[in-house]
Amino acid sequence: MDTRPPAVRIEPWTEADLGLLRAANSPALMDHLGGPETEEQLLSRHRRYVELSADTTGRGRMYSIVAEADGAAVGTTGYWEQNWQGRTVYETGWTVLPAHQGRGLATAGALAVVRAARAARRHRFLHAFPSVGNAASNAVCRRAGFSLMGECAFEYPPGHIGRSHDWRLDLWPEANA
């Protein structure tokens, strides 16, 4: 049995990805993230994603996840700077549209974004903070090689503190050698 994730590519976020962001703003996908955003919040997020993806300083990048099999945009992923426990790290997250879930595409997208964050060589650690109740995203972290650091209080969306798992991946494991 082949246990490798399906082939995906990640493409930098562009103005053309607003429809994908709208599709990902469904109640089912936003359940662990405070619920769907208003149109104004969605447009603001889209502008931030476009700006981050145009940035060349290494602060991060947002991507669409594209399935190689059919060229369909199946979700979103990215990495961005975050202040965590007194140090600047990268944070990551992902969403895969319901019609494409259960096929390993989120894990494949997460692995692709790990490679991109590693290539940036700006921060040593990449963290993910899925809600403790988000079994699917916690499983992606495990499959993508993150280490569970424990539970934490995490603010997302702004103004909402929830219980999350702190998953960490060392982008420079050779530094431990």
Protein backbone atom coordinates (compact mmCIF):
# COMPACT_ATOMS: atom_id res chain seq x y z
CA MET A 1 0.00 0.00 0.00
CA ASP A 2 1.34 3.43 -0.97
CA THR A 3 1.35 5.70 2.10
CA ARG A 4 2.92 8.74 0.42
CA PRO A 5 0.77 11.87 0.33
CA PRO A 6 -0.69 12.74 -3.07
CA ALA A 7 1.28 15.08 -5.30
CA VAL A 8 0.50 18.75 -4.81
CA ARG A 9 2.20 21.99 -5.56
CA ILE A 10 1.82 25.22 -3.67
CA GLU A 11 1.41 28.42 -5.65
CA PRO A 12 1.94 31.89 -4.18
CA TRP A 13 -1.31 33.66 -3.33
CA THR A 14 -2.57 36.10 -5.96
CA GLU A 15 -5.56 38.37 -6.56
CA ALA A 16 -7.13 35.44 -8.44
CA ASP A 17 -7.36 33.38 -5.22
CA LEU A 18 -10.20 35.37 -3.62
CA GLY A 19 -12.73 32.74 -4.78
CA LEU A 20 -10.73 30.01 -3.04
CA LEU A 21 -10.67 32.06 0.17
CA ARG A 22 -14.45 32.56 -0.07
CA ALA A 23 -14.93 28.80 -0.54
CA ALA A 24 -12.78 28.14 2.54
CA ASN A 25 -14.88 30.56 4.62
CA SER A 26 -17.61 27.98 5.24
CA PRO A 27 -19.01 27.21 8.70
CA ALA A 28 -17.63 23.66 8.56
CA LEU A 29 -14.09 24.82 7.76
CA MET A 30 -14.11 27.79 10.12
CA ASP A 31 -15.60 25.93 13.09
CA HIS A 32 -12.26 25.72 14.97
CA LEU A 33 -11.28 29.27 13.94
CA GLY A 34 -14.11 31.29 15.43
CA GLY A 35 -16.63 30.85 12.61
CA PRO A 36 -16.93 32.36 9.13
CA GLU A 37 -15.66 35.87 8.55
CA THR A 38 -17.70 38.77 7.23
CA GLU A 39 -17.10 39.91 3.65
CA GLU A 40 -15.11 42.87 4.98
CA GLN A 41 -12.91 40.57 7.10
CA LEU A 42 -12.47 38.21 4.16
CA LEU A 43 -11.37 41.01 1.83
CA SER A 44 -8.93 42.26 4.47
CA ARG A 45 -7.49 38.75 4.87
CA HIS A 46 -7.16 38.42 1.10
CA ARG A 47 -5.23 41.72 0.91
CA ARG A 48 -2.89 40.53 3.71
CA TYR A 49 -2.32 37.23 1.87
CA VAL A 50 -1.53 39.00 -1.42
CA GLU A 51 0.83 41.43 0.34
CA LEU A 52 2.58 38.67 2.28
CA SER A 53 3.07 36.63 -0.88
CA ALA A 54 4.61 39.61 -2.66
CA ASP A 55 7.04 40.21 0.23
CA THR A 56 10.60 39.13 -0.50
CA THR A 57 12.07 39.66 2.98
CA GLY A 58 11.19 36.17 4.27
CA ARG A 59 8.40 37.25 6.65
CA GLY A 60 6.30 34.46 5.18
CA ARG A 61 4.11 33.53 2.27
CA MET A 62 0.58 32.32 1.60
CA TYR A 63 -0.23 29.70 -1.00
CA SER A 64 -3.02 27.89 -2.72
CA ILE A 65 -2.68 24.10 -2.58
CA VAL A 66 -3.07 22.66 -6.08
CA ALA A 67 -3.61 18.94 -6.71
CA GLU A 68 -1.22 17.75 -9.41
CA ALA A 69 -3.69 15.08 -10.59
CA ASP A 70 -6.20 17.57 -12.00
CA GLY A 71 -4.76 21.06 -11.39
CA ALA A 72 -7.60 21.97 -9.02
CA ALA A 73 -7.01 24.45 -6.20
CA VAL A 74 -8.02 22.33 -3.20
CA GLY A 75 -7.05 24.51 -0.25
CA THR A 76 -4.80 27.09 1.35
CA THR A 77 -1.62 27.00 3.38
CA GLY A 78 1.20 29.30 4.32
CA TYR A 79 3.68 30.41 6.92
CA TRP A 80 4.13 33.76 8.61
CA GLU A 81 6.08 35.34 11.45
CA GLN A 82 4.63 35.07 14.93
CA ASN A 83 5.96 36.10 18.33
CA TRP A 84 5.75 32.98 20.49
CA GLN A 85 7.06 32.75 24.04
CA GLY A 86 9.45 35.67 23.56
CA ARG A 87 10.94 34.66 20.23
CA THR A 88 10.04 35.14 16.60
CA VAL A 89 9.07 31.90 14.89
CA TYR A 90 7.11 30.90 11.85
CA GLU A 91 3.52 29.80 12.27
CA THR A 92 1.67 27.71 9.72
CA GLY A 93 -1.87 26.62 9.01
CA TRP A 94 -3.92 25.03 6.25
CA THR A 95 -7.43 24.43 5.01
CA VAL A 96 -8.60 21.88 2.47
CA LEU A 97 -12.03 22.24 0.89
CA PRO A 98 -14.55 19.58 2.00
CA ALA A 99 -14.79 17.91 -1.43
CA HIS A 100 -11.05 17.17 -1.28
CA GLN A 101 -10.65 16.12 2.34
CA GLY A 102 -9.60 12.65 3.46
CA ARG A 103 -7.09 12.11 0.66
CA GLY A 104 -3.90 13.38 2.33
CA LEU A 105 -3.88 16.73 0.54
CA ALA A 106 -3.58 18.74 3.77
CA THR A 107 -0.53 16.71 4.79
CA ALA A 108 0.99 17.12 1.33
CA GLY A 109 0.36 20.87 1.50
CA ALA A 110 1.86 21.05 5.00
CA LEU A 111 4.97 19.19 3.84
CA ALA A 112 5.32 21.57 0.89
CA VAL A 113 5.05 24.61 3.16
CA VAL A 114 7.66 23.10 5.50
CA ARG A 115 10.04 22.94 2.54
CA ALA A 116 9.26 26.57 1.65
CA ALA A 117 9.76 27.82 5.23
CA ARG A 118 12.98 25.82 5.51
CA ALA A 119 14.28 27.38 2.28
CA ALA A 120 13.63 30.89 3.66
CA ARG A 121 16.30 30.21 6.36
CA ARG A 122 14.97 33.02 8.53
CA HIS A 123 13.59 31.27 11.62
CA ARG A 124 14.52 27.93 13.10
CA PHE A 125 11.09 26.77 14.26
CA LEU A 126 7.75 26.36 12.53
CA HIS A 127 4.72 26.07 14.83
CA ALA A 128 1.12 25.05 14.23
CA PHE A 129 -1.61 25.72 16.79
CA PRO A 130 -4.69 23.65 15.94
CA SER A 131 -7.51 23.60 18.43
CA VAL A 132 -7.31 20.60 20.78
CA GLY A 133 -10.67 19.51 19.31
CA ASN A 134 -9.50 19.64 15.69
CA ALA A 135 -8.53 16.00 15.23
CA ALA A 136 -7.86 16.35 11.49
CA SER A 137 -5.36 19.23 11.82
CA ASN A 138 -3.65 17.58 14.78
CA ALA A 139 -3.25 14.44 12.66
CA VAL A 140 -1.73 16.50 9.83
CA CYS A 141 0.83 17.88 12.30
CA ARG A 142 1.75 14.35 13.39
CA ARG A 143 2.03 13.04 9.81
CA ALA A 144 4.08 16.07 8.71
CA GLY A 145 6.72 15.45 11.39
CA PHE A 146 5.85 18.12 13.96
CA SER A 147 6.51 17.40 17.64
CA LEU A 148 3.73 18.01 20.15
CA MET A 149 5.01 20.50 22.71
CA GLY A 150 1.80 20.45 24.76
CA GLU A 151 -1.44 22.34 25.22
CA CYS A 152 -1.52 26.11 25.37
CA ALA A 153 -3.87 29.05 25.49
CA PHE A 154 -3.83 30.59 22.04
CA GLU A 155 -5.54 33.72 20.77
CA TYR A 156 -7.35 33.26 17.47
CA PRO A 157 -9.25 34.98 16.16
CA PRO A 158 -8.13 38.19 17.89
CA GLY A 159 -9.98 38.55 21.16
CA HIS A 160 -10.78 34.83 21.48
CA ILE A 161 -8.55 32.66 23.69
CA GLY A 162 -8.92 28.94 23.10
CA ARG A 163 -7.14 25.71 23.96
CA SER A 164 -4.72 24.64 21.26
CA HIS A 165 -1.96 22.17 20.79
CA ASP A 166 1.47 23.66 20.19
CA TRP A 167 3.14 21.59 17.48
CA ARG A 168 6.73 22.49 16.56
CA LEU A 169 9.00 21.47 13.72
CA ASP A 170 12.72 22.22 13.69
CA LEU A 171 13.50 23.70 10.27
CA TRP A 172 17.25 23.44 10.90
CA PRO A 173 17.73 20.00 12.47
CA GLU A 174 21.38 20.05 11.39
CA ALA A 175 21.95 22.75 14.05
CA ASN A 176 21.48 20.02 16.69
CA ALA A 177 24.13 17.77 15.14
